[in-house]
C-alpha cells in the first residue's frame, strides 16, 4: 500500500543535481508535487544532503535527499508549490519530456 501524500507520475527525463560544487547527472523516473525518484548516473548522495535539481520547464528546485539505495535516491522538494504544479501541468499536456 502506497501511503504517499501526493500521487506519483512516471516520467523519463534527465536532470542535473547540484550538491555544493558538484554536479551529478541523473535520470528522473517518477515525480510528484512532494518529491521524485532519481537514479544517479555516476555517483551517490547521502540522505540529508541538500541539492538543487534542474528540471525541464523549471528553474532549479531546492530538495533534500530523503533516502538512498545505491545510485537510486528519493528527493523531497522544498520549493514553491506553484513551480511544481506548472511542471506537472506541462508534463500532462506535452507528455513525457526527454532531455539529453
PDB file of N, CA and C in Angstrom:
ATOM      1  N   UNK A   1       0.840  -1.186   0.000  1.00  0.00           N
ATOM      2  CA  UNK A   1       0.000   0.000   0.000  1.00  0.00           C
ATOM      3  C   UNK A   1       0.882   1.244   0.000  1.00  0.00           C
ATOM      4  N   UNK A   2       0.593   2.182  -0.917  1.00  0.00           N
ATOM      5  CA  UNK A   2       1.345   3.421  -1.038  1.00  0.00           C
ATOM      6  C   UNK A   2       0.714   4.481  -0.143  1.00  0.00           C
ATOM      7  N   UNK A   3       1.465   4.974   0.843  1.00  0.00           N
ATOM      8  CA  UNK A   3       0.935   5.942   1.793  1.00  0.00           C
ATOM      9  C   UNK A   3       1.400   7.368   1.518  1.00  0.00           C
ATOM     10  N   UNK A   4       1.935   7.625   0.316  1.00  0.00           N
ATOM     11  CA  UNK A   4       2.410   8.966  -0.005  1.00  0.00           C
ATOM     12  C   UNK A   4       1.250   9.955  -0.042  1.00  0.00           C
ATOM     13  N   UNK A   5       1.561  11.203   0.325  1.00  0.00           N
ATOM     14  CA  UNK A   5       0.546  12.253   0.330  1.00  0.00           C
ATOM     15  C   UNK A   5       0.215  12.719  -1.086  1.00  0.00           C
ATOM     16  N   UNK A   6       1.176  12.623  -2.013  1.00  0.00           N
ATOM     17  CA  UNK A   6       0.991  13.113  -3.374  1.00  0.00           C
ATOM     18  C   UNK A   6       1.104  11.971  -4.371  1.00  0.00           C
ATOM     19  N   UNK A   7       0.253  12.016  -5.409  1.00  0.00           N
ATOM     20  CA  UNK A   7       0.283  10.992  -6.443  1.00  0.00           C
ATOM     21  C   UNK A   7       1.571  11.111  -7.261  1.00  0.00           C
ATOM     22  N   UNK A   8       2.203   9.955  -7.505  1.00  0.00           N
ATOM     23  CA  UNK A   8       3.412   9.907  -8.319  1.00  0.00           C
ATOM     24  C   UNK A   8       3.050   9.764  -9.788  1.00  0.00           C
ATOM     25  N   UNK A   9       3.855  10.383 -10.648  1.00  0.00           N
ATOM     26  CA  UNK A   9       3.678  10.309 -12.088  1.00  0.00           C
ATOM     27  C   UNK A   9       4.966   9.772 -12.698  1.00  0.00           C
ATOM     28  N   UNK A  10       4.874   8.701 -13.482  1.00  0.00           N
ATOM     29  CA  UNK A  10       6.056   8.156 -14.143  1.00  0.00           C
ATOM     30  C   UNK A  10       6.492   9.104 -15.246  1.00  0.00           C
ATOM     31  N   UNK A  11       7.799   9.368 -15.296  1.00  0.00           N
ATOM     32  CA  UNK A  11       8.363  10.220 -16.335  1.00  0.00           C
ATOM     33  C   UNK A  11       9.694   9.640 -16.772  1.00  0.00           C
ATOM     34  N   UNK A  12      10.252  10.212 -17.800  1.00  0.00           N
ATOM     35  CA  UNK A  12      11.542   9.768 -18.317  1.00  0.00           C
ATOM     36  C   UNK A  12      12.326  10.991 -18.761  1.00  0.00           C
ATOM     37  N   UNK A  13      12.989  11.644 -17.798  1.00  0.00           N
ATOM     38  CA  UNK A  13      13.766  12.836 -18.116  1.00  0.00           C
ATOM     39  C   UNK A  13      15.135  12.766 -17.452  1.00  0.00           C
ATOM     40  N   UNK A  14      16.056  13.501 -18.006  1.00  0.00           N
ATOM     41  CA  UNK A  14      17.355  13.659 -17.369  1.00  0.00           C
ATOM     42  C   UNK A  14      17.358  14.990 -16.631  1.00  0.00           C
ATOM     43  N   UNK A  15      18.177  15.073 -15.626  1.00  0.00           N
ATOM     44  CA  UNK A  15      18.280  16.291 -14.829  1.00  0.00           C
ATOM     45  C   UNK A  15      19.681  16.351 -14.232  1.00  0.00           C
ATOM     46  N   UNK A  16      20.081  17.531 -13.854  1.00  0.00           N
ATOM     47  CA  UNK A  16      21.317  17.719 -13.108  1.00  0.00           C
ATOM     48  C   UNK A  16      20.960  18.025 -11.666  1.00  0.00           C
ATOM     49  N   UNK A  17      21.679  17.385 -10.747  1.00  0.00           N
ATOM     50  CA  UNK A  17      21.551  17.685  -9.330  1.00  0.00           C
ATOM     51  C   UNK A  17      22.827  18.371  -8.882  1.00  0.00           C
ATOM     52  N   UNK A  18      22.678  19.533  -8.283  1.00  0.00           N
ATOM     53  CA  UNK A  18      23.825  20.275  -7.782  1.00  0.00           C
ATOM     54  C   UNK A  18      23.868  20.127  -6.271  1.00  0.00           C
ATOM     55  N   UNK A  19      25.009  19.658  -5.783  1.00  0.00           N
ATOM     56  CA  UNK A  19      25.221  19.492  -4.352  1.00  0.00           C
ATOM     57  C   UNK A  19      26.565  20.142  -4.035  1.00  0.00           C
ATOM     58  N   UNK A  20      26.518  21.307  -3.412  1.00  0.00           N
ATOM     59  CA  UNK A  20      27.758  22.058  -3.209  1.00  0.00           C
ATOM     60  C   UNK A  20      28.309  22.473  -4.561  1.00  0.00           C
ATOM     61  N   UNK A  21      29.585  22.167  -4.793  1.00  0.00           N
ATOM     62  CA  UNK A  21      30.225  22.497  -6.069  1.00  0.00           C
ATOM     63  C   UNK A  21      30.110  21.374  -7.089  1.00  0.00           C
ATOM     64  N   UNK A  22      29.569  20.230  -6.688  1.00  0.00           N
ATOM     65  CA  UNK A  22      29.481  19.069  -7.579  1.00  0.00           C
ATOM     66  C   UNK A  22      28.153  19.059  -8.336  1.00  0.00           C
ATOM     67  N   UNK A  23      28.221  18.602  -9.585  1.00  0.00           N
ATOM     68  CA  UNK A  23      27.025  18.408 -10.404  1.00  0.00           C
ATOM     69  C   UNK A  23      26.924  16.922 -10.718  1.00  0.00           C
ATOM     70  N   UNK A  24      25.760  16.338 -10.408  1.00  0.00           N
ATOM     71  CA  UNK A  24      25.518  14.913 -10.609  1.00  0.00           C
ATOM     72  C   UNK A  24      24.485  14.734 -11.714  1.00  0.00           C
ATOM     73  N   UNK A  25      24.830  13.977 -12.741  1.00  0.00           N
ATOM     74  CA  UNK A  25      23.870  13.669 -13.799  1.00  0.00           C
ATOM     75  C   UNK A  25      22.920  12.602 -13.291  1.00  0.00           C
ATOM     76  N   UNK A  26      21.631  12.743 -13.641  1.00  0.00           N
ATOM     77  CA  UNK A  26      20.616  11.844 -13.100  1.00  0.00           C
ATOM     78  C   UNK A  26      19.493  11.602 -14.097  1.00  0.00           C
ATOM     79  N   UNK A  27      18.755  10.535 -13.837  1.00  0.00           N
ATOM     80  CA  UNK A  27      17.543  10.188 -14.579  1.00  0.00           C
ATOM     81  C   UNK A  27      16.396  10.206 -13.579  1.00  0.00           C
ATOM     82  N   UNK A  28      15.341  10.958 -13.896  1.00  0.00           N
ATOM     83  CA  UNK A  28      14.174  11.041 -13.027  1.00  0.00           C
ATOM     84  C   UNK A  28      13.125  10.077 -13.563  1.00  0.00           C
ATOM     85  N   UNK A  29      12.705   9.116 -12.729  1.00  0.00           N
ATOM     86  CA  UNK A  29      11.758   8.100 -13.186  1.00  0.00           C
ATOM     87  C   UNK A  29      10.337   8.323 -12.694  1.00  0.00           C
ATOM     88  N   UNK A  30      10.170   9.044 -11.593  1.00  0.00           N
ATOM     89  CA  UNK A  30       8.827   9.452 -11.188  1.00  0.00           C
ATOM     90  C   UNK A  30       8.900  10.728 -10.367  1.00  0.00           C
ATOM     91  N   UNK A  31       7.775  11.435 -10.364  1.00  0.00           N
ATOM     92  CA  UNK A  31       7.741  12.745  -9.711  1.00  0.00           C
ATOM     93  C   UNK A  31       6.347  12.994  -9.163  1.00  0.00           C
ATOM     94  N   UNK A  32       6.289  13.774  -8.107  1.00  0.00           N
ATOM     95  CA  UNK A  32       5.015  14.232  -7.554  1.00  0.00           C
ATOM     96  C   UNK A  32       5.224  15.665  -7.093  1.00  0.00           C
ATOM     97  N   UNK A  33       4.182  16.255  -6.556  1.00  0.00           N
ATOM     98  CA  UNK A  33       4.310  17.613  -6.036  1.00  0.00           C
ATOM     99  C   UNK A  33       5.247  17.655  -4.837  1.00  0.00           C
ATOM    100  N   UNK A  34       5.486  16.504  -4.188  1.00  0.00           N
ATOM    101  CA  UNK A  34       6.314  16.486  -2.989  1.00  0.00           C
ATOM    102  C   UNK A  34       7.726  15.975  -3.168  1.00  0.00           C
ATOM    103  N   UNK A  35       7.998  15.258  -4.278  1.00  0.00           N
ATOM    104  CA  UNK A  35       9.338  14.707  -4.435  1.00  0.00           C
ATOM    105  C   UNK A  35       9.503  13.939  -5.722  1.00  0.00           C
ATOM    106  N   UNK A  36      10.627  13.235  -5.827  1.00  0.00           N
ATOM    107  CA  UNK A  36      10.936  12.488  -7.045  1.00  0.00           C
ATOM    108  C   UNK A  36      11.863  11.316  -6.725  1.00  0.00           C
ATOM    109  N   UNK A  37      11.783  10.300  -7.576  1.00  0.00           N
ATOM    110  CA  UNK A  37      12.724   9.188  -7.517  1.00  0.00           C
ATOM    111  C   UNK A  37      13.741   9.407  -8.626  1.00  0.00           C
ATOM    112  N   UNK A  38      15.018   9.354  -8.257  1.00  0.00           N
ATOM    113  CA  UNK A  38      16.105   9.702  -9.166  1.00  0.00           C
ATOM    114  C   UNK A  38      17.158   8.607  -9.157  1.00  0.00           C
ATOM    115  N   UNK A  39      17.680   8.293 -10.336  1.00  0.00           N
ATOM    116  CA  UNK A  39      18.793   7.352 -10.472  1.00  0.00           C
ATOM    117  C   UNK A  39      20.021   8.158 -10.896  1.00  0.00           C
ATOM    118  N   UNK A  40      21.026   8.187 -10.031  1.00  0.00           N
ATOM    119  CA  UNK A  40      22.260   8.899 -10.356  1.00  0.00           C
ATOM    120  C   UNK A  40      23.093   8.069 -11.322  1.00  0.00           C
ATOM    121  N   UNK A  41      23.740   8.732 -12.282  1.00  0.00           N
ATOM    122  CA  UNK A  41      24.484   8.003 -13.307  1.00  0.00           C
ATOM    123  C   UNK A  41      25.849   7.527 -12.820  1.00  0.00           C
ATOM    124  N   UNK A  42      26.604   8.378 -12.154  1.00  0.00           N
ATOM    125  CA  UNK A  42      27.983   8.022 -11.814  1.00  0.00           C
ATOM    126  C   UNK A  42      28.366   8.353 -10.381  1.00  0.00           C
ATOM    127  N   UNK A  43      27.402   8.476  -9.489  1.00  0.00           N
ATOM    128  CA  UNK A  43      27.735   8.902  -8.128  1.00  0.00           C
ATOM    129  C   UNK A  43      26.630   8.467  -7.171  1.00  0.00           C
ATOM    130  N   UNK A  44      26.813   8.805  -5.914  1.00  0.00           N
ATOM    131  CA  UNK A  44      25.785   8.588  -4.894  1.00  0.00           C
ATOM    132  C   UNK A  44      25.689   9.847  -4.037  1.00  0.00           C
ATOM    133  N   UNK A  45      24.572  10.008  -3.364  1.00  0.00           N
ATOM    134  CA  UNK A  45      24.379  11.101  -2.414  1.00  0.00           C
ATOM    135  C   UNK A  45      23.766  10.525  -1.152  1.00  0.00           C
ATOM    136  N   UNK A  46      24.167  11.046  -0.020  1.00  0.00           N
ATOM    137  CA  UNK A  46      23.692  10.547   1.274  1.00  0.00           C
ATOM    138  C   UNK A  46      22.376  11.200   1.676  1.00  0.00           C
ATOM    139  N   UNK A  47      21.514  10.454   2.373  1.00  0.00           N
ATOM    140  CA  UNK A  47      20.298  11.063   2.919  1.00  0.00           C
ATOM    141  C   UNK A  47      20.653  12.287   3.761  1.00  0.00           C
ATOM    142  N   UNK A  48      19.823  13.314   3.625  1.00  0.00           N
ATOM    143  CA  UNK A  48      20.064  14.570   4.331  1.00  0.00           C
ATOM    144  C   UNK A  48      20.801  15.599   3.497  1.00  0.00           C
ATOM    145  N   UNK A  49      21.400  15.180   2.378  1.00  0.00           N
ATOM    146  CA  UNK A  49      22.110  16.121   1.512  1.00  0.00           C
ATOM    147  C   UNK A  49      21.126  17.101   0.890  1.00  0.00           C
ATOM    148  N   UNK A  50      21.501  18.367   0.869  1.00  0.00           N
ATOM    149  CA  UNK A  50      20.696  19.386   0.194  1.00  0.00           C
ATOM    150  C   UNK A  50      21.165  19.501  -1.245  1.00  0.00           C
ATOM    151  N   UNK A  51      20.216  19.550  -2.176  1.00  0.00           N
ATOM    152  CA  UNK A  51      20.541  19.621  -3.603  1.00  0.00           C
ATOM    153  C   UNK A  51      19.647  20.646  -4.288  1.00  0.00           C
ATOM    154  N   UNK A  52      20.071  21.050  -5.465  1.00  0.00           N
ATOM    155  CA  UNK A  52      19.242  21.790  -6.405  1.00  0.00           C
ATOM    156  C   UNK A  52      19.046  20.872  -7.591  1.00  0.00           C
ATOM    157  N   UNK A  53      17.801  20.670  -8.033  1.00  0.00           N
ATOM    158  CA  UNK A  53      17.542  19.829  -9.185  1.00  0.00           C
ATOM    159  C   UNK A  53      17.073  20.725 -10.326  1.00  0.00           C
ATOM    160  N   UNK A  54      17.708  20.549 -11.481  1.00  0.00           N
ATOM    161  CA  UNK A  54      17.390  21.332 -12.675  1.00  0.00           C
ATOM    162  C   UNK A  54      16.512  20.479 -13.579  1.00  0.00           C
ATOM    163  N   UNK A  55      15.200  20.784 -13.607  1.00  0.00           N
ATOM    164  CA  UNK A  55      14.225  20.044 -14.403  1.00  0.00           C
ATOM    165  C   UNK A  55      13.807  20.860 -15.622  1.00  0.00           C
ATOM    166  N   UNK A  56      13.424  20.198 -16.729  1.00  0.00           N
ATOM    167  CA  UNK A  56      12.922  20.937 -17.891  1.00  0.00           C
ATOM    168  C   UNK A  56      11.706  21.774 -17.506  1.00  0.00           C
ATOM    169  N   UNK A  57      11.532  22.897 -18.129  1.00  0.00           N
ATOM    170  CA  UNK A  57      10.408  23.819 -17.925  1.00  0.00           C
ATOM    171  C   UNK A  57      10.458  24.548 -16.590  1.00  0.00           C
ATOM    172  N   UNK A  58      11.481  24.333 -15.787  1.00  0.00           N
ATOM    173  CA  UNK A  58      11.549  24.970 -14.471  1.00  0.00           C
ATOM    174  C   UNK A  58      12.923  25.553 -14.219  1.00  0.00           C
ATOM    175  N   UNK A  59      12.951  26.469 -13.273  1.00  0.00           N
ATOM    176  CA  UNK A  59      14.226  26.876 -12.712  1.00  0.00           C
ATOM    177  C   UNK A  59      14.650  25.773 -11.751  1.00  0.00           C
ATOM    178  N   UNK A  60      15.807  25.918 -11.169  1.00  0.00           N
ATOM    179  CA  UNK A  60      16.262  24.922 -10.196  1.00  0.00           C
ATOM    180  C   UNK A  60      15.317  24.888  -8.994  1.00  0.00           C
ATOM    181  N   UNK A  61      15.083  23.679  -8.495  1.00  0.00           N
ATOM    182  CA  UNK A  61      14.259  23.490  -7.308  1.00  0.00           C
ATOM    183  C   UNK A  61      15.124  23.006  -6.159  1.00  0.00           C
ATOM    184  N   UNK A  62      14.861  23.522  -4.971  1.00  0.00           N
ATOM    185  CA  UNK A  62      15.546  23.042  -3.780  1.00  0.00           C
ATOM    186  C   UNK A  62      14.934  21.723  -3.351  1.00  0.00           C
ATOM    187  N   UNK A  63      15.791  20.797  -2.957  1.00  0.00           N
ATOM    188  CA  UNK A  63      15.325  19.490  -2.483  1.00  0.00           C
ATOM    189  C   UNK A  63      16.336  18.943  -1.490  1.00  0.00           C
ATOM    190  N   UNK A  64      15.926  17.917  -0.760  1.00  0.00           N
ATOM    191  CA  UNK A  64      16.855  17.193   0.097  1.00  0.00           C
ATOM    192  C   UNK A  64      16.713  15.710  -0.207  1.00  0.00           C
ATOM    193  N   UNK A  65      17.794  14.973   0.003  1.00  0.00           N
ATOM    194  CA  UNK A  65      17.772  13.536  -0.225  1.00  0.00           C
ATOM    195  C   UNK A  65      17.084  12.895   0.973  1.00  0.00           C
ATOM    196  N   UNK A  66      15.932  12.256   0.714  1.00  0.00           N
ATOM    197  CA  UNK A  66      15.157  11.631   1.788  1.00  0.00           C
ATOM    198  C   UNK A  66      15.630  10.210   2.072  1.00  0.00           C
ATOM    199  N   UNK A  67      16.047   9.499   1.019  1.00  0.00           N
ATOM    200  CA  UNK A  67      16.512   8.124   1.175  1.00  0.00           C
ATOM    201  C   UNK A  67      17.465   7.801   0.029  1.00  0.00           C
ATOM    202  N   UNK A  68      18.259   6.777   0.211  1.00  0.00           N
ATOM    203  CA  UNK A  68      19.165   6.337  -0.839  1.00  0.00           C
ATOM    204  C   UNK A  68      19.398   4.836  -0.765  1.00  0.00           C
ATOM    205  N   UNK A  69      19.408   4.199  -1.936  1.00  0.00           N
ATOM    206  CA  UNK A  69      19.729   2.783  -2.091  1.00  0.00           C
ATOM    207  C   UNK A  69      20.666   2.687  -3.284  1.00  0.00           C
ATOM    208  N   UNK A  70      21.981   2.648  -3.026  1.00  0.00           N
ATOM    209  CA  UNK A  70      22.946   2.648  -4.124  1.00  0.00           C
ATOM    210  C   UNK A  70      22.851   3.958  -4.884  1.00  0.00           C
ATOM    211  N   UNK A  71      22.635   3.873  -6.195  1.00  0.00           N
ATOM    212  CA  UNK A  71      22.535   5.072  -7.023  1.00  0.00           C
ATOM    213  C   UNK A  71      21.116   5.618  -7.112  1.00  0.00           C
ATOM    214  N   UNK A  72      20.132   4.903  -6.552  1.00  0.00           N
ATOM    215  CA  UNK A  72      18.750   5.390  -6.516  1.00  0.00           C
ATOM    216  C   UNK A  72      18.551   6.225  -5.259  1.00  0.00           C
ATOM    217  N   UNK A  73      17.940   7.399  -5.440  1.00  0.00           N
ATOM    218  CA  UNK A  73      17.659   8.263  -4.296  1.00  0.00           C
ATOM    219  C   UNK A  73      16.244   8.814  -4.406  1.00  0.00           C
ATOM    220  N   UNK A  74      15.694   9.167  -3.280  1.00  0.00           N
ATOM    221  CA  UNK A  74      14.401   9.843  -3.226  1.00  0.00           C
ATOM    222  C   UNK A  74      14.618  11.269  -2.786  1.00  0.00           C
ATOM    223  N   UNK A  75      14.039  12.196  -3.536  1.00  0.00           N
ATOM    224  CA  UNK A  75      14.156  13.611  -3.198  1.00  0.00           C
ATOM    225  C   UNK A  75      12.861  14.123  -2.596  1.00  0.00           C
ATOM    226  N   UNK A  76      12.978  15.000  -1.626  1.00  0.00           N
ATOM    227  CA  UNK A  76      11.836  15.710  -1.059  1.00  0.00           C
ATOM    228  C   UNK A  76      12.000  17.174  -1.449  1.00  0.00           C
ATOM    229  N   UNK A  77      11.026  17.685  -2.228  1.00  0.00           N
ATOM    230  CA  UNK A  77      11.114  19.073  -2.682  1.00  0.00           C
ATOM    231  C   UNK A  77      10.860  20.037  -1.542  1.00  0.00           C
ATOM    232  N   UNK A  78      11.571  21.174  -1.595  1.00  0.00           N
ATOM    233  CA  UNK A  78      11.424  22.214  -0.583  1.00  0.00           C
ATOM    234  C   UNK A  78      10.966  23.522  -1.197  1.00  0.00           C
ATOM    235  N   UNK A  79      10.695  23.520  -2.509  1.00  0.00           N
ATOM    236  CA  UNK A  79      10.426  24.758  -3.226  1.00  0.00           C
ATOM    237  C   UNK A  79       8.943  25.039  -3.417  1.00  0.00           C
ATOM    238  N   UNK A  80       8.696  26.089  -4.140  1.00  0.00           N
ATOM    239  CA  UNK A  80       7.364  26.604  -4.399  1.00  0.00           C
ATOM    240  C   UNK A  80       6.429  25.588  -5.034  1.00  0.00           C
ATOM    241  N   UNK A  81       5.273  25.429  -4.451  1.00  0.00           N
ATOM    242  CA  UNK A  81       4.260  24.532  -4.998  1.00  0.00           C
ATOM    243  C   UNK A  81       3.829  24.989  -6.384  1.00  0.00           C
ATOM    244  N   UNK A  82       3.822  26.300  -6.641  1.00  0.00           N
ATOM    245  CA  UNK A  82       3.406  26.803  -7.945  1.00  0.00           C
ATOM    246  C   UNK A  82       4.337  26.317  -9.053  1.00  0.00           C
ATOM    247  N   UNK A  83       5.647  26.284  -8.808  1.00  0.00           N
ATOM    248  CA  UNK A  83       6.590  25.793  -9.809  1.00  0.00           C
ATOM    249  C   UNK A  83       6.363  24.314 -10.084  1.00  0.00           C
ATOM    250  N   UNK A  84       6.120  23.535  -9.055  1.00  0.00           N
ATOM    251  CA  UNK A  84       5.879  22.103  -9.233  1.00  0.00           C
ATOM    252  C   UNK A  84       4.573  21.860  -9.977  1.00  0.00           C
ATOM    253  N   UNK A  85       3.549  22.620  -9.639  1.00  0.00           N
ATOM    254  CA  UNK A  85       2.279  22.482 -10.341  1.00  0.00           C
ATOM    255  C   UNK A  85       2.437  22.810 -11.820  1.00  0.00           C
ATOM    256  N   UNK A  86       3.220  23.838 -12.142  1.00  0.00           N
ATOM    257  CA  UNK A  86       3.468  24.212 -13.538  1.00  0.00           C
ATOM    258  C   UNK A  86       4.189  23.089 -14.277  1.00  0.00           C
ATOM    259  N   UNK A  87       5.174  22.484 -13.636  1.00  0.00           N
ATOM    260  CA  UNK A  87       5.904  21.388 -14.261  1.00  0.00           C
ATOM    261  C   UNK A  87       4.963  20.214 -14.544  1.00  0.00           C
ATOM    262  N   UNK A  88       4.160  19.824 -13.557  1.00  0.00           N
ATOM    263  CA  UNK A  88       3.244  18.698 -13.737  1.00  0.00           C
ATOM    264  C   UNK A  88       2.183  19.011 -14.781  1.00  0.00           C
ATOM    265  N   UNK A  89       1.745  20.260 -14.869  1.00  0.00           N
ATOM    266  CA  UNK A  89       0.788  20.667 -15.897  1.00  0.00           C
ATOM    267  C   UNK A  89       1.410  20.511 -17.284  1.00  0.00           C
ATOM    268  N   UNK A  90       2.640  21.006 -17.457  1.00  0.00           N
ATOM    269  CA  UNK A  90       3.333  20.869 -18.743  1.00  0.00           C
ATOM    270  C   UNK A  90       3.560  19.406 -19.094  1.00  0.00           C
ATOM    271  N   UNK A  91       3.875  18.601 -18.116  1.00  0.00           N
ATOM    272  CA  UNK A  91       4.069  17.175 -18.351  1.00  0.00           C
ATOM    273  C   UNK A  91       2.768  16.534 -18.837  1.00  0.00           C
ATOM    274  N   UNK A  92       1.651  16.910 -18.237  1.00  0.00           N
ATOM    275  CA  UNK A  92       0.362  16.348 -18.639  1.00  0.00           C
ATOM    276  C   UNK A  92      -0.006  16.763 -20.063  1.00  0.00           C
ATOM    277  N   UNK A  93       0.314  17.986 -20.436  1.00  0.00           N
ATOM    278  CA  UNK A  93      -0.035  18.476 -21.767  1.00  0.00           C
ATOM    279  C   UNK A  93       0.895  17.915 -22.838  1.00  0.00           C
ATOM    280  N   UNK A  94       2.189  17.949 -22.575  1.00  0.00           N
ATOM    281  CA  UNK A  94       3.167  17.593 -23.605  1.00  0.00           C
ATOM    282  C   UNK A  94       3.650  16.153 -23.511  1.00  0.00           C
ATOM    283  N   UNK A  95       3.258  15.424 -22.490  1.00  0.00           N
ATOM    284  CA  UNK A  95       3.691  14.040 -22.350  1.00  0.00           C
ATOM    285  C   UNK A  95       5.078  13.955 -21.740  1.00  0.00           C
ATOM    286  N   UNK A  96       5.671  12.791 -21.871  1.00  0.00           N
ATOM    287  CA  UNK A  96       6.996  12.560 -21.297  1.00  0.00           C
ATOM    288  C   UNK A  96       8.019  13.442 -21.974  1.00  0.00           C
ATOM    289  N   UNK A  97       8.789  14.131 -21.168  1.00  0.00           N
ATOM    290  CA  UNK A  97       9.827  15.022 -21.672  1.00  0.00           C
ATOM    291  C   UNK A  97      11.135  14.254 -21.621  1.00  0.00           C
ATOM    292  N   UNK A  98      11.854  14.232 -22.684  1.00  0.00           N
ATOM    293  CA  UNK A  98      13.153  13.565 -22.726  1.00  0.00           C
ATOM    294  C   UNK A  98      14.199  14.604 -23.072  1.00  0.00           C
ATOM    295  N   UNK A  99      15.022  14.959 -22.129  1.00  0.00           N
ATOM    296  CA  UNK A  99      16.037  15.989 -22.321  1.00  0.00           C
ATOM    297  C   UNK A  99      17.398  15.329 -22.281  1.00  0.00           C
ATOM    298  N   UNK A 100      18.168  15.478 -23.336  1.00  0.00           N
ATOM    299  CA  UNK A 100      19.500  14.851 -23.397  1.00  0.00           C
ATOM    300  C   UNK A 100      20.553  15.731 -22.771  1.00  0.00           C
TER     301      UNK A 100
END
